PDB file of N, CA and C in Angstrom:
ATOM      1  N   MET A   1      67.876   0.058  52.677  1.00  0.00           N
ATOM      2  CA  MET A   1      69.156  -0.406  52.194  1.00  0.00           C
ATOM      3  C   MET A   1      69.058  -1.158  50.868  1.00  0.00           C
ATOM      4  N   SER A   2      67.864  -1.191  50.293  1.00  0.00           N
ATOM      5  CA  SER A   2      67.716  -1.901  49.064  1.00  0.00           C
ATOM      6  C   SER A   2      68.554  -1.327  47.936  1.00  0.00           C
ATOM      7  N   PHE A   3      68.943   0.003  48.017  1.00  0.00           N
ATOM      8  CA  PHE A   3      69.743   0.563  46.951  1.00  0.00           C
ATOM      9  C   PHE A   3      71.135  -0.039  46.885  1.00  0.00           C
ATOM     10  N   LEU A   4      71.632  -0.667  47.992  1.00  0.00           N
ATOM     11  CA  LEU A   4      72.949  -1.314  48.000  1.00  0.00           C
ATOM     12  C   LEU A   4      72.958  -2.567  47.155  1.00  0.00           C
ATOM     13  N   PHE A   5      71.778  -3.197  46.995  1.00  0.00           N
ATOM     14  CA  PHE A   5      71.658  -4.479  46.319  1.00  0.00           C
ATOM     15  C   PHE A   5      70.976  -4.383  44.970  1.00  0.00           C
ATOM     16  N   GLY A   6      71.003  -3.257  44.331  1.00  0.00           N
ATOM     17  CA  GLY A   6      70.468  -3.051  43.022  1.00  0.00           C
ATOM     18  C   GLY A   6      69.079  -2.576  42.952  1.00  0.00           C
ATOM     19  N   GLY A   7      68.341  -2.507  44.071  1.00  0.00           N
ATOM     20  CA  GLY A   7      66.975  -2.005  44.075  1.00  0.00           C
ATOM     21  C   GLY A   7      66.979  -0.427  44.093  1.00  0.00           C
ATOM     22  N   LYS A   8      65.859   0.143  43.719  1.00  0.00           N
ATOM     23  CA  LYS A   8      65.739   1.577  43.804  1.00  0.00           C
ATOM     24  C   LYS A   8      65.492   2.019  45.247  1.00  0.00           C
ATOM     25  N   PRO A   9      66.068   3.108  45.709  1.00  0.00           N
ATOM     26  CA  PRO A   9      65.719   3.609  47.006  1.00  0.00           C
ATOM     27  C   PRO A   9      64.287   4.038  47.063  1.00  0.00           C
ATOM     28  N   GLN A  10      63.607   3.878  48.204  1.00  0.00           N
ATOM     29  CA  GLN A  10      62.219   4.306  48.344  1.00  0.00           C
ATOM     30  C   GLN A  10      62.189   5.788  48.576  1.00  0.00           C
ATOM     31  N   LEU A  11      61.279   6.469  47.884  1.00  0.00           N
ATOM     32  CA  LEU A  11      61.138   7.934  48.043  1.00  0.00           C
ATOM     33  C   LEU A  11      60.126   8.211  49.152  1.00  0.00           C
ATOM     34  N   SER A  12      60.381   9.303  49.865  1.00  0.00           N
ATOM     35  CA  SER A  12      59.400   9.722  50.900  1.00  0.00           C
ATOM     36  C   SER A  12      58.258  10.438  50.181  1.00  0.00           C
ATOM     37  N   SER A  13      57.216  10.736  50.950  1.00  0.00           N
ATOM     38  CA  SER A  13      56.033  11.390  50.411  1.00  0.00           C
ATOM     39  C   SER A  13      56.442  12.746  49.908  1.00  0.00           C
ATOM     40  N   ALA A  14      57.234  13.467  50.639  1.00  0.00           N
ATOM     41  CA  ALA A  14      57.741  14.802  50.202  1.00  0.00           C
ATOM     42  C   ALA A  14      58.526  14.755  48.899  1.00  0.00           C
ATOM     43  N   GLU A  15      59.337  13.731  48.788  1.00  0.00           N
ATOM     44  CA  GLU A  15      60.106  13.588  47.557  1.00  0.00           C
ATOM     45  C   GLU A  15      59.224  13.220  46.356  1.00  0.00           C
ATOM     46  N   LYS A  16      58.202  12.477  46.591  1.00  0.00           N
ATOM     47  CA  LYS A  16      57.287  12.100  45.521  1.00  0.00           C
ATOM     48  C   LYS A  16      56.475  13.385  45.094  1.00  0.00           C
ATOM     49  N   ILE A  17      56.106  14.168  46.116  1.00  0.00           N
ATOM     50  CA  ILE A  17      55.375  15.398  45.751  1.00  0.00           C
ATOM     51  C   ILE A  17      56.285  16.353  44.982  1.00  0.00           C
ATOM     52  N   ASP A  18      57.511  16.481  45.429  1.00  0.00           N
ATOM     53  CA  ASP A  18      58.488  17.340  44.711  1.00  0.00           C
ATOM     54  C   ASP A  18      58.673  16.831  43.257  1.00  0.00           C
ATOM     55  N   ALA A  19      58.801  15.514  43.069  1.00  0.00           N
ATOM     56  CA  ALA A  19      58.979  14.963  41.713  1.00  0.00           C
ATOM     57  C   ALA A  19      57.770  15.275  40.859  1.00  0.00           C
ATOM     58  N   ALA A  20      56.591  15.146  41.448  1.00  0.00           N
ATOM     59  CA  ALA A  20      55.316  15.394  40.669  1.00  0.00           C
ATOM     60  C   ALA A  20      55.259  16.833  40.347  1.00  0.00           C
ATOM     61  N   LEU A  21      55.634  17.775  41.229  1.00  0.00           N
ATOM     62  CA  LEU A  21      55.569  19.210  40.983  1.00  0.00           C
ATOM     63  C   LEU A  21      56.567  19.557  39.882  1.00  0.00           C
ATOM     64  N   THR A  22      57.790  18.940  39.965  1.00  0.00           N
ATOM     65  CA  THR A  22      58.758  19.185  38.926  1.00  0.00           C
ATOM     66  C   THR A  22      58.261  18.737  37.565  1.00  0.00           C
ATOM     67  N   GLU A  23      57.576  17.591  37.496  1.00  0.00           N
ATOM     68  CA  GLU A  23      57.022  17.062  36.241  1.00  0.00           C
ATOM     69  C   GLU A  23      55.994  18.030  35.695  1.00  0.00           C
ATOM     70  N   VAL A  24      55.097  18.496  36.571  1.00  0.00           N
ATOM     71  CA  VAL A  24      54.026  19.419  36.187  1.00  0.00           C
ATOM     72  C   VAL A  24      54.635  20.666  35.580  1.00  0.00           C
ATOM     73  N   GLU A  25      55.707  21.241  36.270  1.00  0.00           N
ATOM     74  CA  GLU A  25      56.340  22.419  35.744  1.00  0.00           C
ATOM     75  C   GLU A  25      56.937  22.157  34.408  1.00  0.00           C
ATOM     76  N   MET A  26      57.618  21.038  34.221  1.00  0.00           N
ATOM     77  CA  MET A  26      58.200  20.669  32.934  1.00  0.00           C
ATOM     78  C   MET A  26      57.142  20.578  31.812  1.00  0.00           C
ATOM     79  N   VAL A  27      56.060  19.925  32.073  1.00  0.00           N
ATOM     80  CA  VAL A  27      55.021  19.771  31.106  1.00  0.00           C
ATOM     81  C   VAL A  27      54.391  21.174  30.783  1.00  0.00           C
ATOM     82  N   SER A  28      54.167  21.956  31.834  1.00  0.00           N
ATOM     83  CA  SER A  28      53.650  23.366  31.549  1.00  0.00           C
ATOM     84  C   SER A  28      54.581  24.182  30.735  1.00  0.00           C
ATOM     85  N   ASP A  29      55.937  24.053  30.997  1.00  0.00           N
ATOM     86  CA  ASP A  29      56.868  24.803  30.234  1.00  0.00           C
ATOM     87  C   ASP A  29      56.889  24.353  28.794  1.00  0.00           C
ATOM     88  N   MET A  30      56.843  23.022  28.552  1.00  0.00           N
ATOM     89  CA  MET A  30      56.799  22.540  27.208  1.00  0.00           C
ATOM     90  C   MET A  30      55.563  22.971  26.482  1.00  0.00           C
ATOM     91  N   PHE A  31      54.416  22.911  27.122  1.00  0.00           N
ATOM     92  CA  PHE A  31      53.227  23.424  26.529  1.00  0.00           C
ATOM     93  C   PHE A  31      53.298  24.931  26.147  1.00  0.00           C
ATOM     94  N   ASN A  32      53.844  25.737  27.063  1.00  0.00           N
ATOM     95  CA  ASN A  32      53.987  27.161  26.781  1.00  0.00           C
ATOM     96  C   ASN A  32      54.922  27.406  25.629  1.00  0.00           C
ATOM     97  N   ARG A  33      56.052  26.683  25.547  1.00  0.00           N
ATOM     98  CA  ARG A  33      56.993  26.854  24.405  1.00  0.00           C
ATOM     99  C   ARG A  33      56.317  26.397  23.139  1.00  0.00           C
ATOM    100  N   LEU A  34      55.580  25.341  23.159  1.00  0.00           N
ATOM    101  CA  LEU A  34      54.902  24.827  21.973  1.00  0.00           C
ATOM    102  C   LEU A  34      53.867  25.866  21.462  1.00  0.00           C
ATOM    103  N   SER A  35      53.093  26.356  22.411  1.00  0.00           N
ATOM    104  CA  SER A  35      52.061  27.351  22.070  1.00  0.00           C
ATOM    105  C   SER A  35      52.687  28.589  21.445  1.00  0.00           C
ATOM    106  N   GLN A  36      53.624  29.151  22.113  1.00  0.00           N
ATOM    107  CA  GLN A  36      54.257  30.402  21.626  1.00  0.00           C
ATOM    108  C   GLN A  36      54.915  30.113  20.230  1.00  0.00           C
ATOM    109  N   SER A  37      55.665  29.099  20.090  1.00  0.00           N
ATOM    110  CA  SER A  37      56.329  28.780  18.844  1.00  0.00           C
ATOM    111  C   SER A  37      55.388  28.589  17.661  1.00  0.00           C
ATOM    112  N   CYS A  38      54.380  27.746  17.832  1.00  0.00           N
ATOM    113  CA  CYS A  38      53.439  27.443  16.751  1.00  0.00           C
ATOM    114  C   CYS A  38      52.503  28.620  16.521  1.00  0.00           C
ATOM    115  N   LEU A  39      52.140  29.381  17.508  1.00  0.00           N
ATOM    116  CA  LEU A  39      51.289  30.536  17.347  1.00  0.00           C
ATOM    117  C   LEU A  39      51.990  31.568  16.450  1.00  0.00           C
ATOM    118  N   LYS A  40      53.329  31.767  16.766  1.00  0.00           N
ATOM    119  CA  LYS A  40      54.064  32.730  16.007  1.00  0.00           C
ATOM    120  C   LYS A  40      54.254  32.311  14.570  1.00  0.00           C
ATOM    121  N   LYS A  41      54.442  31.022  14.368  1.00  0.00           N
ATOM    122  CA  LYS A  41      54.644  30.518  12.994  1.00  0.00           C
ATOM    123  C   LYS A  41      53.405  30.448  12.191  1.00  0.00           C
ATOM    124  N   CYS A  42      52.248  30.158  12.778  1.00  0.00           N
ATOM    125  CA  CYS A  42      51.053  29.733  12.024  1.00  0.00           C
ATOM    126  C   CYS A  42      49.900  30.717  12.042  1.00  0.00           C
ATOM    127  N   ILE A  43      49.811  31.645  13.006  1.00  0.00           N
ATOM    128  CA  ILE A  43      48.733  32.483  13.161  1.00  0.00           C
ATOM    129  C   ILE A  43      49.169  33.923  12.913  1.00  0.00           C
ATOM    130  N   PRO A  44      48.600  34.614  11.912  1.00  0.00           N
ATOM    131  CA  PRO A  44      49.020  36.012  11.655  1.00  0.00           C
ATOM    132  C   PRO A  44      48.595  36.903  12.847  1.00  0.00           C
ATOM    133  N   ALA A  45      49.346  37.986  12.976  1.00  0.00           N
ATOM    134  CA  ALA A  45      49.081  38.932  14.107  1.00  0.00           C
ATOM    135  C   ALA A  45      47.743  39.663  13.971  1.00  0.00           C
ATOM    136  N   ASP A  46      47.283  39.800  12.708  1.00  0.00           N
ATOM    137  CA  ASP A  46      45.930  40.479  12.526  1.00  0.00           C
ATOM    138  C   ASP A  46      44.905  39.347  12.273  1.00  0.00           C
ATOM    139  N   TYR A  47      44.044  39.183  13.256  1.00  0.00           N
ATOM    140  CA  TYR A  47      43.026  38.163  13.117  1.00  0.00           C
ATOM    141  C   TYR A  47      41.945  38.658  12.123  1.00  0.00           C
ATOM    142  N   ARG A  48      41.647  37.789  11.178  1.00  0.00           N
ATOM    143  CA  ARG A  48      40.604  38.179  10.212  1.00  0.00           C
ATOM    144  C   ARG A  48      39.295  37.424  10.428  1.00  0.00           C
ATOM    145  N   GLU A  49      39.423  36.268  11.065  1.00  0.00           N
ATOM    146  CA  GLU A  49      38.271  35.371  11.288  1.00  0.00           C
ATOM    147  C   GLU A  49      38.299  34.932  12.737  1.00  0.00           C
ATOM    148  N   GLY A  50      37.143  34.532  13.284  1.00  0.00           N
ATOM    149  CA  GLY A  50      37.055  34.041  14.616  1.00  0.00           C
ATOM    150  C   GLY A  50      37.591  32.560  14.719  1.00  0.00           C
ATOM    151  N   ASP A  51      37.476  31.812  13.627  1.00  0.00           N
ATOM    152  CA  ASP A  51      37.960  30.430  13.618  1.00  0.00           C
ATOM    153  C   ASP A  51      39.196  30.327  12.791  1.00  0.00           C
ATOM    154  N   LEU A  52      39.924  29.265  13.014  1.00  0.00           N
ATOM    155  CA  LEU A  52      41.102  28.919  12.201  1.00  0.00           C
ATOM    156  C   LEU A  52      40.678  28.613  10.781  1.00  0.00           C
ATOM    157  N   ASN A  53      41.440  29.114   9.836  1.00  0.00           N
ATOM    158  CA  ASN A  53      41.180  28.667   8.479  1.00  0.00           C
ATOM    159  C   ASN A  53      41.971  27.375   8.200  1.00  0.00           C
ATOM    160  N   LYS A  54      41.709  26.793   7.071  1.00  0.00           N
ATOM    161  CA  LYS A  54      42.395  25.485   6.776  1.00  0.00           C
ATOM    162  C   LYS A  54      43.875  25.485   6.807  1.00  0.00           C
ATOM    163  N   GLY A  55      44.475  26.552   6.205  1.00  0.00           N
ATOM    164  CA  GLY A  55      45.901  26.708   6.219  1.00  0.00           C
ATOM    165  C   GLY A  55      46.511  26.807   7.640  1.00  0.00           C
ATOM    166  N   GLU A  56      45.871  27.636   8.459  1.00  0.00           N
ATOM    167  CA  GLU A  56      46.303  27.793   9.847  1.00  0.00           C
ATOM    168  C   GLU A  56      46.224  26.459  10.605  1.00  0.00           C
ATOM    169  N   SER A  57      45.128  25.755  10.372  1.00  0.00           N
ATOM    170  CA  SER A  57      44.897  24.508  11.109  1.00  0.00           C
ATOM    171  C   SER A  57      45.942  23.435  10.647  1.00  0.00           C
ATOM    172  N   VAL A  58      46.171  23.382   9.349  1.00  0.00           N
ATOM    173  CA  VAL A  58      47.190  22.422   8.931  1.00  0.00           C
ATOM    174  C   VAL A  58      48.606  22.805   9.440  1.00  0.00           C
ATOM    175  N   CYS A  59      48.939  24.075   9.402  1.00  0.00           N
ATOM    176  CA  CYS A  59      50.136  24.589   9.918  1.00  0.00           C
ATOM    177  C   CYS A  59      50.334  24.208  11.381  1.00  0.00           C
ATOM    178  N   LEU A  60      49.279  24.454  12.184  1.00  0.00           N
ATOM    179  CA  LEU A  60      49.392  24.132  13.602  1.00  0.00           C
ATOM    180  C   LEU A  60      49.576  22.611  13.875  1.00  0.00           C
ATOM    181  N   ASP A  61      48.821  21.847  13.049  1.00  0.00           N
ATOM    182  CA  ASP A  61      48.906  20.393  13.200  1.00  0.00           C
ATOM    183  C   ASP A  61      50.373  19.918  12.947  1.00  0.00           C
ATOM    184  N   ARG A  62      51.002  20.415  11.836  1.00  0.00           N
ATOM    185  CA  ARG A  62      52.325  20.029  11.500  1.00  0.00           C
ATOM    186  C   ARG A  62      53.342  20.555  12.485  1.00  0.00           C
ATOM    187  N   CYS A  63      53.116  21.792  12.962  1.00  0.00           N
ATOM    188  CA  CYS A  63      54.029  22.421  13.961  1.00  0.00           C
ATOM    189  C   CYS A  63      54.054  21.564  15.224  1.00  0.00           C
ATOM    190  N   VAL A  64      52.904  21.219  15.748  1.00  0.00           N
ATOM    191  CA  VAL A  64      52.772  20.468  16.946  1.00  0.00           C
ATOM    192  C   VAL A  64      53.467  19.048  16.758  1.00  0.00           C
ATOM    193  N   ALA A  65      53.234  18.368  15.632  1.00  0.00           N
ATOM    194  CA  ALA A  65      53.813  17.122  15.355  1.00  0.00           C
ATOM    195  C   ALA A  65      55.324  17.202  15.306  1.00  0.00           C
ATOM    196  N   LYS A  66      55.863  18.236  14.650  1.00  0.00           N
ATOM    197  CA  LYS A  66      57.302  18.380  14.551  1.00  0.00           C
ATOM    198  C   LYS A  66      57.874  18.679  15.938  1.00  0.00           C
ATOM    199  N   PHE A  67      57.194  19.517  16.696  1.00  0.00           N
ATOM    200  CA  PHE A  67      57.681  19.856  18.034  1.00  0.00           C
ATOM    201  C   PHE A  67      57.860  18.607  18.923  1.00  0.00           C
ATOM    202  N   PHE A  68      56.797  17.810  18.885  1.00  0.00           N
ATOM    203  CA  PHE A  68      56.863  16.567  19.694  1.00  0.00           C
ATOM    204  C   PHE A  68      57.919  15.572  19.186  1.00  0.00           C
ATOM    205  N   GLU A  69      58.016  15.437  17.895  1.00  0.00           N
ATOM    206  CA  GLU A  69      59.021  14.606  17.274  1.00  0.00           C
ATOM    207  C   GLU A  69      60.468  14.934  17.707  1.00  0.00           C
ATOM    208  N   VAL A  70      60.736  16.289  17.624  1.00  0.00           N
ATOM    209  CA  VAL A  70      61.994  16.758  18.068  1.00  0.00           C
ATOM    210  C   VAL A  70      62.208  16.568  19.559  1.00  0.00           C
ATOM    211  N   ASN A  71      61.177  16.846  20.312  1.00  0.00           N
ATOM    212  CA  ASN A  71      61.288  16.634  21.768  1.00  0.00           C
ATOM    213  C   ASN A  71      61.581  15.190  22.146  1.00  0.00           C
ATOM    214  N   VAL A  72      60.957  14.221  21.433  1.00  0.00           N
ATOM    215  CA  VAL A  72      61.206  12.842  21.700  1.00  0.00           C
ATOM    216  C   VAL A  72      62.693  12.484  21.361  1.00  0.00           C
ATOM    217  N   LYS A  73      63.161  12.955  20.144  1.00  0.00           N
ATOM    218  CA  LYS A  73      64.515  12.729  19.707  1.00  0.00           C
ATOM    219  C   LYS A  73      65.577  13.261  20.701  1.00  0.00           C
ATOM    220  N   VAL A  74      65.288  14.481  21.126  1.00  0.00           N
ATOM    221  CA  VAL A  74      66.313  15.125  22.062  1.00  0.00           C
ATOM    222  C   VAL A  74      66.244  14.364  23.403  1.00  0.00           C
ATOM    223  N   SER A  75      65.104  13.962  23.880  1.00  0.00           N
ATOM    224  CA  SER A  75      64.959  13.171  25.131  1.00  0.00           C
ATOM    225  C   SER A  75      65.717  11.861  25.002  1.00  0.00           C
ATOM    226  N   GLU A  76      65.499  11.162  23.888  1.00  0.00           N
ATOM    227  CA  GLU A  76      66.178   9.870  23.731  1.00  0.00           C
ATOM    228  C   GLU A  76      67.703  10.080  23.613  1.00  0.00           C
ATOM    229  N   LYS A  77      68.210  11.123  22.985  1.00  0.00           N
ATOM    230  CA  LYS A  77      69.587  11.410  22.874  1.00  0.00           C
ATOM    231  C   LYS A  77      70.199  11.697  24.287  1.00  0.00           C
ATOM    232  N   MET A  78      69.487  12.491  25.044  1.00  0.00           N
ATOM    233  CA  MET A  78      69.994  12.829  26.339  1.00  0.00           C
ATOM    234  C   MET A  78      70.036  11.660  27.298  1.00  0.00           C
ATOM    235  N   GLN A  79      68.986  10.787  27.194  1.00  0.00           N
ATOM    236  CA  GLN A  79      68.941   9.623  27.991  1.00  0.00           C
ATOM    237  C   GLN A  79      70.071   8.614  27.650  1.00  0.00           C
ATOM    238  N   GLY A  80      70.350   8.499  26.346  1.00  0.00           N
ATOM    239  CA  GLY A  80      71.405   7.696  25.857  1.00  0.00           C
ATOM    240  C   GLY A  80      72.729   8.150  26.353  1.00  0.00           C
ATOM    241  N   GLU A  81      72.982   9.499  26.274  1.00  0.00           N
ATOM    242  CA  GLU A  81      74.243   9.979  26.740  1.00  0.00           C
ATOM    243  C   GLU A  81      74.404   9.839  28.281  1.00  0.00           C
ATOM    244  N   ALA A  82      73.285   9.997  29.022  1.00  0.00           N
ATOM    245  CA  ALA A  82      73.367   9.796  30.448  1.00  0.00           C
ATOM    246  C   ALA A  82      73.678   8.330  30.766  1.00  0.00           C
ATOM    247  N   ALA A  83      73.101   7.396  30.038  1.00  0.00           N
ATOM    248  CA  ALA A  83      73.327   5.998  30.212  1.00  0.00           C
ATOM    249  C   ALA A  83      74.795   5.649  29.893  1.00  0.00           C
ATOM    250  N   MET A  84      75.351   6.279  28.842  1.00  0.00           N
ATOM    251  CA  MET A  84      76.702   5.958  28.498  1.00  0.00           C
ATOM    252  C   MET A  84      77.694   6.501  29.593  1.00  0.00           C
ATOM    253  N   ARG A  85      77.351   7.637  30.112  1.00  0.00           N
ATOM    254  CA  ARG A  85      78.195   8.212  31.179  1.00  0.00           C
ATOM    255  C   ARG A  85      78.191   7.305  32.418  1.00  0.00           C
ATOM    256  N   GLN A  86      76.946   6.840  32.775  1.00  0.00           N
ATOM    257  CA  GLN A  86      76.869   5.974  33.926  1.00  0.00           C
ATOM    258  C   GLN A  86      77.441   4.637  33.690  1.00  0.00           C
ATOM    259  N   GLY A  87      77.153   4.053  32.521  1.00  0.00           N
ATOM    260  CA  GLY A  87      77.685   2.704  32.165  1.00  0.00           C
ATOM    261  C   GLY A  87      79.204   2.800  31.872  1.00  0.00           C
ATOM    262  N   GLY A  88      79.644   3.829  31.237  1.00  0.00           N
ATOM    263  CA  GLY A  88      81.050   4.012  30.915  1.00  0.00           C
ATOM    264  C   GLY A  88      81.949   4.138  32.139  1.00  0.00           C
ATOM    265  N   GLY A  89      81.436   4.859  33.144  1.00  0.00           N
ATOM    266  CA  GLY A  89      82.192   5.061  34.378  1.00  0.00           C
ATOM    267  C   GLY A  89      82.360   3.797  35.155  1.00  0.00           C
ATOM    268  N   ALA A  90      81.368   2.999  35.202  1.00  0.00           N
ATOM    269  CA  ALA A  90      81.408   1.753  35.976  1.00  0.00           C
ATOM    270  C   ALA A  90      82.170   0.691  35.208  1.00  0.00           C
ATOM    271  N   GLY A  91      82.095   0.696  33.920  1.00  0.00           N
ATOM    272  CA  GLY A  91      82.794  -0.319  33.114  1.00  0.00           C
ATOM    273  C   GLY A  91      84.281  -0.046  33.016  1.00  0.00           C
ATOM    274  N   ALA A  92      84.740   1.100  33.336  1.00  0.00           N
ATOM    275  CA  ALA A  92      86.111   1.450  33.204  1.00  0.00           C
ATOM    276  C   ALA A  92      86.895   1.291  34.475  1.00  0.00           C
ATOM    277  N   GLY A  93      86.513   0.324  35.280  1.00  0.00           N
ATOM    278  CA  GLY A  93      87.291   0.069  36.516  1.00  0.00           C
ATOM    279  C   GLY A  93      86.481   0.243  37.754  1.00  0.00           C
ATOM    280  N   GLY A  94      85.365   0.885  37.633  1.00  0.00           N
ATOM    281  CA  GLY A  94      84.465   1.082  38.851  1.00  0.00           C
ATOM    282  C   GLY A  94      85.176   1.865  39.963  1.00  0.00           C
ATOM    283  N   MET A  95      84.762   1.623  41.164  1.00  0.00           N
ATOM    284  CA  MET A  95      85.223   2.437  42.259  1.00  0.00           C
ATOM    285  C   MET A  95      86.664   2.115  42.650  1.00  0.00           C
ATOM    286  N   PHE A  96      87.097   0.883  42.417  1.00  0.00           N
ATOM    287  CA  PHE A  96      88.459   0.503  42.801  1.00  0.00           C
ATOM    288  C   PHE A  96      89.478   0.572  41.721  1.00  0.00           C
ATOM    289  N   GLY A  97      89.078   0.972  40.503  1.00  0.00           N
ATOM    290  CA  GLY A  97      90.042   1.102  39.361  1.00  0.00           C
ATOM    291  C   GLY A  97      90.620  -0.194  38.829  1.00  0.00           C
ATOM    292  N   MET A  98      89.892  -1.276  39.038  1.00  0.00           N
ATOM    293  CA  MET A  98      90.478  -2.560  38.558  1.00  0.00           C
ATOM    294  C   MET A  98      90.012  -2.897  37.215  1.00  0.00           C
TER     295      MET A  98
END
């Protein structure tokens, strides 16, 4: 009942496992999207060398940095909007409309 008094409800072991699995899936998805996007942008379809050349390496470095920068900005924006919805609903009268 701690959730009634401002505390977070305690998660069961199954819920913790589900949350961890969801997080792993999200990270895997993000890695796959990052890999596909930057590979398409930076690595030519016809491989000429076994190793990355300087241009490919710099391109990949910049691509990854931009990908994470955008990901952080989108996450912050979504969290801010979610907080506004939660805070805005409670501040506008709450459950009893007062």
